[in-house]
């Protein structure tokens, strides 16, 4: 769904199915996106999302990662602490927040055809 919303918003987006981390990292490196959105469902998705984000950051350096914690009901502040100090602005809990975060990261307004290569992954 997120990839479709991003495409409607003028972004180039594709979706990757959940796989073992080495396969997903290889696919991300081959796609060379500007932004990766890691989709995570509770209760165990947070652990996998955190590990995948850390692996991607260590392999790519400059890659922007947004983590979507869909249906997260607790205080988001607790999640910030688990992901690290700089993750506060990169964690979203709704599709609307994810689209807005990608807009902010690409410097675009809604329905502007500024192409940003975004890859959405699922854990």
Protein backbone atom coordinates (compact mmCIF):
# COMPACT_ATOMS: atom_id res chain seq x y z
CA UNK A 1 0.00 0.00 0.00
CA UNK A 2 2.75 2.44 0.88
CA UNK A 3 4.50 1.97 -2.47
CA UNK A 4 1.21 2.75 -4.23
CA UNK A 5 0.65 5.88 -2.12
CA UNK A 6 4.18 7.07 -2.82
CA UNK A 7 3.76 6.51 -6.55
CA UNK A 8 0.50 8.46 -6.50
CA UNK A 9 2.48 11.22 -4.80
CA UNK A 10 4.96 11.35 -7.69
CA UNK A 11 7.68 9.14 -6.24
CA UNK A 12 9.29 6.14 -7.89
CA UNK A 13 8.65 3.32 -5.42
CA UNK A 14 8.91 -0.44 -5.40
CA UNK A 15 8.16 -3.08 -2.82
CA UNK A 16 10.31 -5.97 -1.64
CA UNK A 17 8.91 -9.05 0.09
CA UNK A 18 10.32 -10.19 3.41
CA UNK A 19 13.35 -12.43 2.99
CA UNK A 20 16.44 -13.26 4.98
CA UNK A 21 18.40 -10.06 5.70
CA UNK A 22 21.38 -10.86 3.43
CA UNK A 23 19.04 -11.23 0.43
CA UNK A 24 17.19 -8.01 1.24
CA UNK A 25 20.45 -6.10 1.72
CA UNK A 26 21.73 -7.37 -1.63
CA UNK A 27 18.51 -6.25 -3.33
CA UNK A 28 18.69 -2.81 -1.69
CA UNK A 29 22.33 -2.39 -2.73
CA UNK A 30 21.45 -3.35 -6.32
CA UNK A 31 18.45 -0.98 -6.43
CA UNK A 32 20.50 1.90 -4.93
CA UNK A 33 17.48 3.81 -3.59
CA UNK A 34 17.61 7.24 -1.98
CA UNK A 35 15.24 6.16 0.80
CA UNK A 36 14.31 2.76 2.22
CA UNK A 37 11.12 2.30 4.23
CA UNK A 38 11.18 -0.79 6.43
CA UNK A 39 7.68 -1.95 7.27
CA UNK A 40 7.31 -3.63 10.62
CA UNK A 41 4.38 -5.30 12.35
CA UNK A 42 4.20 -6.00 16.06
CA UNK A 43 5.13 -7.82 18.18
CA UNK A 44 8.39 -9.16 16.69
CA UNK A 45 8.78 -6.86 13.70
CA UNK A 46 10.57 -4.21 15.74
CA UNK A 47 13.52 -6.50 16.42
CA UNK A 48 13.87 -7.41 12.76
CA UNK A 49 13.40 -3.82 11.61
CA UNK A 50 16.09 -2.59 13.99
CA UNK A 51 18.55 -5.27 12.86
CA UNK A 52 17.84 -4.65 9.18
CA UNK A 53 18.17 -0.88 9.60
CA UNK A 54 21.49 -1.30 11.41
CA UNK A 55 22.81 -3.67 8.72
CA UNK A 56 21.74 -1.33 5.92
CA UNK A 57 23.28 1.68 7.65
CA UNK A 58 26.58 -0.12 8.15
CA UNK A 59 26.70 -1.24 4.50
CA UNK A 60 25.51 1.93 2.78
CA UNK A 61 26.52 4.88 4.95
CA UNK A 62 24.38 7.64 3.47
CA UNK A 63 21.14 5.71 2.87
CA UNK A 64 18.09 7.29 4.47
CA UNK A 65 15.97 4.74 6.33
CA UNK A 66 12.41 5.24 7.57
CA UNK A 67 10.89 2.57 9.80
CA UNK A 68 7.13 2.11 9.68
CA UNK A 69 5.87 0.54 12.90
CA UNK A 70 2.35 -0.14 11.70
CA UNK A 71 -0.33 -0.47 14.37
CA UNK A 72 2.10 0.47 17.14
CA UNK A 73 0.02 1.39 20.19
CA UNK A 74 2.63 2.32 22.80
CA UNK A 75 4.49 5.56 23.35
CA UNK A 76 6.76 6.16 20.37
CA UNK A 77 9.39 7.59 22.71
CA UNK A 78 10.20 4.05 23.89
CA UNK A 79 10.92 3.02 20.32
CA UNK A 80 13.20 6.03 19.76
CA UNK A 81 15.41 4.86 22.61
CA UNK A 82 15.70 1.37 21.09
CA UNK A 83 16.61 2.69 17.63
CA UNK A 84 18.98 5.42 18.74
CA UNK A 85 19.03 9.14 19.26
CA UNK A 86 18.84 10.13 15.58
CA UNK A 87 15.94 7.81 14.79
CA UNK A 88 13.24 10.07 16.28
CA UNK A 89 12.37 11.63 12.95
CA UNK A 90 12.70 8.41 10.96
CA UNK A 91 10.07 6.32 12.77
CA UNK A 92 6.45 6.54 11.64
CA UNK A 93 3.34 4.66 12.75
CA UNK A 94 0.84 5.38 9.95
CA UNK A 95 0.90 5.36 6.16
CA UNK A 96 0.10 9.08 6.17
CA UNK A 97 3.13 9.79 8.35
CA UNK A 98 5.29 7.66 6.05
CA UNK A 99 4.21 9.60 2.95
CA UNK A 100 4.77 12.91 4.75
CA UNK A 101 8.22 11.79 5.95
CA UNK A 102 9.24 10.82 2.40
CA UNK A 103 7.93 14.18 1.15
CA UNK A 104 10.00 15.99 3.78
CA UNK A 105 13.10 13.94 2.99
CA UNK A 106 12.80 14.60 -0.75
CA UNK A 107 11.82 18.24 -0.33
CA UNK A 108 8.69 17.78 -2.43
CA UNK A 109 5.09 18.77 -2.06
CA UNK A 110 2.13 16.47 -2.76
CA UNK A 111 1.65 15.42 -6.39
CA UNK A 112 4.91 17.01 -7.54
CA UNK A 113 6.60 14.76 -10.04
CA UNK A 114 10.04 14.92 -8.43
CA UNK A 115 11.27 11.36 -8.75
CA UNK A 116 12.93 9.93 -5.69
CA UNK A 117 13.93 6.30 -5.75
CA UNK A 118 12.19 4.77 -2.73
CA UNK A 119 12.23 1.11 -1.82
CA UNK A 120 9.75 -0.23 0.69
CA UNK A 121 10.73 -3.43 2.48
CA UNK A 122 8.69 -5.66 4.74
CA UNK A 123 9.93 -7.50 7.82
